[in-house]
């Protein structure tokens, strides 16, 4: 996409160009996050489409690791064993 421009108002407001709003699904009331990377500002809309993209990107990222449930059960077993030992079992 080509570079588009907007001008900051005296109140610190910017208009996001229509082409960008449309492509990202930004509508009235859409919450937008701001990130900085060096001298760049990144806008991230919190739209349903953006959340679904994030879920898709994260899918499978924990493959090969034990599940959270397995880790909690293991910790609980160890905790129970310590309790029993403390009680003299």
N, C-alpha and C. Protein backbone atom coordinates (compact mmCIF):
# COMPACT_ATOMS: atom_id res chain seq x y z
N UNK A 1 0.85 -1.19 0.00
CA UNK A 1 0.00 0.00 0.00
C UNK A 1 0.89 1.24 0.00
N UNK A 2 0.45 2.24 -0.71
CA UNK A 2 1.24 3.47 -0.76
C UNK A 2 1.09 4.25 0.55
N UNK A 3 2.01 5.15 0.79
CA UNK A 3 2.01 5.97 2.00
C UNK A 3 0.91 7.03 1.90
N UNK A 4 0.12 7.13 2.95
CA UNK A 4 -0.94 8.13 3.02
C UNK A 4 -0.62 9.09 4.16
N UNK A 5 -1.14 10.31 4.09
CA UNK A 5 -0.78 11.33 5.08
C UNK A 5 -2.02 11.91 5.76
N UNK A 6 -1.80 12.41 6.96
CA UNK A 6 -2.81 13.13 7.73
C UNK A 6 -2.08 14.20 8.51
N UNK A 7 -2.78 15.23 8.94
CA UNK A 7 -2.16 16.33 9.68
C UNK A 7 -2.73 16.40 11.09
N UNK A 8 -1.85 16.55 12.06
CA UNK A 8 -2.25 16.63 13.47
C UNK A 8 -2.98 17.94 13.72
N UNK A 9 -4.12 17.87 14.43
CA UNK A 9 -4.85 19.09 14.79
C UNK A 9 -4.23 19.71 16.03
N UNK A 10 -4.68 20.91 16.38
CA UNK A 10 -4.16 21.58 17.58
C UNK A 10 -4.54 20.82 18.86
N UNK A 11 -5.53 19.94 18.77
CA UNK A 11 -5.96 19.13 19.92
C UNK A 11 -5.29 17.76 19.94
N UNK A 12 -4.33 17.53 19.05
CA UNK A 12 -3.63 16.25 19.01
C UNK A 12 -4.40 15.16 18.28
N UNK A 13 -5.36 15.54 17.47
CA UNK A 13 -6.18 14.57 16.77
C UNK A 13 -5.67 14.35 15.34
N UNK A 14 -5.78 13.09 14.89
CA UNK A 14 -5.43 12.72 13.53
C UNK A 14 -6.62 12.05 12.88
N UNK A 15 -6.75 12.23 11.58
CA UNK A 15 -7.76 11.51 10.82
C UNK A 15 -7.06 10.35 10.13
N UNK A 16 -7.54 9.14 10.40
CA UNK A 16 -6.98 7.97 9.71
C UNK A 16 -7.61 7.94 8.33
N UNK A 17 -6.79 7.92 7.28
CA UNK A 17 -7.33 7.94 5.92
C UNK A 17 -8.36 6.82 5.69
N UNK A 18 -9.39 7.14 4.92
CA UNK A 18 -10.50 6.22 4.68
C UNK A 18 -10.03 4.85 4.17
N UNK A 19 -9.05 4.84 3.27
CA UNK A 19 -8.57 3.57 2.71
C UNK A 19 -8.02 2.66 3.80
N UNK A 20 -7.33 3.25 4.77
CA UNK A 20 -6.77 2.47 5.88
C UNK A 20 -7.89 2.01 6.80
N UNK A 21 -8.81 2.91 7.13
CA UNK A 21 -9.94 2.54 7.99
C UNK A 21 -10.72 1.37 7.39
N UNK A 22 -10.99 1.46 6.11
CA UNK A 22 -11.76 0.41 5.44
C UNK A 22 -11.01 -0.91 5.43
N UNK A 23 -9.71 -0.87 5.12
CA UNK A 23 -8.95 -2.11 5.02
C UNK A 23 -8.79 -2.80 6.38
N UNK A 24 -8.80 -2.02 7.47
CA UNK A 24 -8.63 -2.59 8.82
C UNK A 24 -9.94 -2.76 9.57
N UNK A 25 -11.03 -2.36 8.95
CA UNK A 25 -12.33 -2.51 9.61
C UNK A 25 -12.55 -1.54 10.75
N UNK A 26 -11.91 -0.38 10.70
CA UNK A 26 -12.06 0.63 11.75
C UNK A 26 -13.32 1.44 11.47
N UNK A 27 -14.25 1.40 12.42
CA UNK A 27 -15.48 2.17 12.29
C UNK A 27 -15.63 3.05 13.53
N UNK A 28 -16.67 3.87 13.55
CA UNK A 28 -16.92 4.74 14.69
C UNK A 28 -16.97 3.91 15.97
N UNK A 29 -16.22 4.32 16.96
CA UNK A 29 -16.19 3.63 18.24
C UNK A 29 -15.16 2.53 18.35
N UNK A 30 -14.43 2.22 17.26
CA UNK A 30 -13.40 1.19 17.33
C UNK A 30 -12.27 1.65 18.22
N UNK A 31 -11.89 0.83 19.16
CA UNK A 31 -10.76 1.12 20.05
C UNK A 31 -9.47 0.86 19.27
N UNK A 32 -8.51 1.77 19.37
CA UNK A 32 -7.26 1.66 18.63
C UNK A 32 -6.10 1.76 19.61
N UNK A 33 -5.17 0.80 19.54
CA UNK A 33 -3.98 0.81 20.39
C UNK A 33 -2.82 1.47 19.65
N UNK A 34 -1.93 2.11 20.40
CA UNK A 34 -0.76 2.77 19.84
C UNK A 34 0.50 2.12 20.41
N UNK A 35 1.41 1.74 19.54
CA UNK A 35 2.71 1.19 19.93
C UNK A 35 3.80 2.05 19.30
N UNK A 36 4.95 2.13 19.96
CA UNK A 36 6.07 2.81 19.33
C UNK A 36 7.21 1.82 19.14
N UNK A 37 7.86 1.91 18.01
CA UNK A 37 9.06 1.14 17.68
C UNK A 37 10.06 2.13 17.13
N UNK A 38 10.99 2.54 17.96
CA UNK A 38 11.93 3.57 17.53
C UNK A 38 11.17 4.85 17.24
N UNK A 39 11.29 5.35 16.01
CA UNK A 39 10.60 6.58 15.61
C UNK A 39 9.27 6.32 14.92
N UNK A 40 8.79 5.09 14.97
CA UNK A 40 7.54 4.73 14.31
C UNK A 40 6.42 4.57 15.32
N UNK A 41 5.21 4.91 14.89
CA UNK A 41 4.01 4.67 15.69
C UNK A 41 3.17 3.65 14.94
N UNK A 42 2.75 2.62 15.64
CA UNK A 42 1.95 1.57 15.03
C UNK A 42 0.56 1.63 15.64
N UNK A 43 -0.45 1.67 14.79
CA UNK A 43 -1.84 1.68 15.24
C UNK A 43 -2.39 0.27 15.10
N UNK A 44 -3.00 -0.24 16.16
CA UNK A 44 -3.60 -1.57 16.12
C UNK A 44 -5.06 -1.49 16.54
N UNK A 45 -5.97 -1.63 15.58
CA UNK A 45 -7.39 -1.59 15.94
C UNK A 45 -7.79 -2.85 16.69
N UNK A 46 -8.66 -2.70 17.68
CA UNK A 46 -9.17 -3.85 18.41
C UNK A 46 -10.53 -4.23 17.83
N UNK A 47 -10.49 -4.70 16.60
CA UNK A 47 -11.71 -5.14 15.94
C UNK A 47 -11.81 -6.65 16.08
N UNK A 48 -12.96 -7.21 15.83
CA UNK A 48 -13.14 -8.65 15.87
C UNK A 48 -12.19 -9.32 14.88
N UNK A 49 -12.06 -8.74 13.69
CA UNK A 49 -11.17 -9.31 12.67
C UNK A 49 -9.72 -9.33 13.17
N UNK A 50 -9.29 -8.26 13.85
CA UNK A 50 -7.93 -8.20 14.37
C UNK A 50 -7.73 -9.24 15.45
N UNK A 51 -8.72 -9.43 16.31
CA UNK A 51 -8.62 -10.44 17.37
C UNK A 51 -8.57 -11.84 16.78
N UNK A 52 -9.37 -12.09 15.74
CA UNK A 52 -9.34 -13.39 15.10
C UNK A 52 -8.00 -13.65 14.42
N UNK A 53 -7.41 -12.61 13.82
CA UNK A 53 -6.08 -12.76 13.21
C UNK A 53 -5.05 -13.13 14.27
N UNK A 54 -5.13 -12.48 15.44
CA UNK A 54 -4.21 -12.77 16.53
C UNK A 54 -4.36 -14.22 16.99
N UNK A 55 -5.59 -14.67 17.12
CA UNK A 55 -5.84 -16.06 17.52
C UNK A 55 -5.24 -17.01 16.49
N UNK A 56 -5.45 -16.72 15.20
CA UNK A 56 -4.88 -17.56 14.15
C UNK A 56 -3.36 -17.59 14.22
N UNK A 57 -2.74 -16.44 14.48
CA UNK A 57 -1.28 -16.36 14.55
C UNK A 57 -0.74 -17.15 15.75
N UNK A 58 -1.51 -17.20 16.82
CA UNK A 58 -1.06 -17.89 18.04
C UNK A 58 -1.33 -19.39 18.00
N UNK A 59 -2.21 -19.83 17.10
CA UNK A 59 -2.58 -21.23 17.05
C UNK A 59 -1.34 -22.10 16.84
N UNK A 60 -1.17 -23.06 17.73
CA UNK A 60 -0.06 -23.99 17.63
C UNK A 60 1.25 -23.50 18.22
N UNK A 61 1.27 -22.30 18.80
CA UNK A 61 2.53 -21.75 19.31
C UNK A 61 3.05 -22.53 20.52
N UNK A 62 2.20 -23.31 21.17
CA UNK A 62 2.63 -24.08 22.33
C UNK A 62 2.83 -25.56 21.99
N UNK A 63 2.81 -25.89 20.71
CA UNK A 63 3.00 -27.28 20.30
C UNK A 63 4.34 -27.79 20.82
N UNK A 64 4.32 -28.98 21.37
CA UNK A 64 5.55 -29.57 21.89
C UNK A 64 5.79 -29.27 23.36
N UNK A 65 4.97 -28.42 23.96
CA UNK A 65 5.09 -28.10 25.38
C UNK A 65 3.96 -28.79 26.12
N UNK A 66 4.17 -29.10 27.42
CA UNK A 66 3.08 -29.70 28.18
C UNK A 66 1.92 -28.71 28.33
N UNK A 67 0.73 -29.26 28.47
CA UNK A 67 -0.44 -28.39 28.60
C UNK A 67 -0.42 -27.71 29.96
N UNK A 68 -1.12 -26.58 30.05
CA UNK A 68 -1.22 -25.86 31.31
C UNK A 68 -1.87 -26.73 32.38
N UNK A 69 -2.83 -27.54 31.98
CA UNK A 69 -3.49 -28.44 32.93
C UNK A 69 -2.50 -29.44 33.49
N UNK A 70 -1.67 -30.02 32.63
CA UNK A 70 -0.66 -30.98 33.09
C UNK A 70 0.29 -30.33 34.09
N UNK A 71 0.72 -29.11 33.81
CA UNK A 71 1.63 -28.41 34.71
C UNK A 71 0.98 -28.13 36.06
N UNK A 72 -0.30 -27.71 36.06
CA UNK A 72 -1.01 -27.45 37.31
C UNK A 72 -1.20 -28.72 38.12
N UNK A 73 -1.55 -29.83 37.46
CA UNK A 73 -1.72 -31.10 38.17
C UNK A 73 -0.41 -31.58 38.77
N UNK A 74 0.67 -31.43 38.03
CA UNK A 74 1.99 -31.84 38.53
C UNK A 74 2.35 -31.03 39.78
N UNK A 75 2.14 -29.72 39.72
CA UNK A 75 2.45 -28.84 40.86
C UNK A 75 1.56 -29.19 42.05
N UNK A 76 0.29 -29.47 41.79
CA UNK A 76 -0.62 -29.83 42.89
C UNK A 76 -0.22 -31.15 43.54
N UNK A 77 0.23 -32.13 42.73
CA UNK A 77 0.70 -33.41 43.29
C UNK A 77 1.92 -33.19 44.18
N UNK A 78 2.85 -32.37 43.73
CA UNK A 78 4.04 -32.08 44.53
C UNK A 78 3.66 -31.36 45.83
N UNK A 79 2.73 -30.43 45.73
CA UNK A 79 2.27 -29.70 46.91
C UNK A 79 1.61 -30.66 47.90
N UNK A 80 0.78 -31.57 47.40
CA UNK A 80 0.12 -32.55 48.27
C UNK A 80 1.13 -33.47 48.92
N UNK A 81 2.15 -33.88 48.17
CA UNK A 81 3.20 -34.74 48.72
C UNK A 81 3.93 -34.04 49.86
N UNK A 82 4.24 -32.76 49.68
CA UNK A 82 4.89 -31.99 50.75
C UNK A 82 4.00 -31.89 51.98
N UNK A 83 2.68 -31.70 51.75
CA UNK A 83 1.74 -31.62 52.87
C UNK A 83 1.72 -32.93 53.64
N UNK A 84 1.67 -34.05 52.93
CA UNK A 84 1.64 -35.37 53.57
C UNK A 84 2.92 -35.63 54.35
N UNK A 85 4.06 -35.27 53.77
CA UNK A 85 5.35 -35.45 54.45
C UNK A 85 5.40 -34.60 55.72
N UNK A 86 4.87 -33.41 55.63
CA UNK A 86 4.85 -32.49 56.79
C UNK A 86 3.98 -33.07 57.91
N UNK A 87 2.92 -33.77 57.53
CA UNK A 87 2.01 -34.38 58.50
C UNK A 87 2.53 -35.72 59.01
N UNK A 88 3.66 -36.20 58.46
CA UNK A 88 4.26 -37.45 58.92
C UNK A 88 3.82 -38.69 58.18
N UNK A 89 3.26 -38.54 57.02
CA UNK A 89 2.83 -39.70 56.23
C UNK A 89 3.93 -40.21 55.39
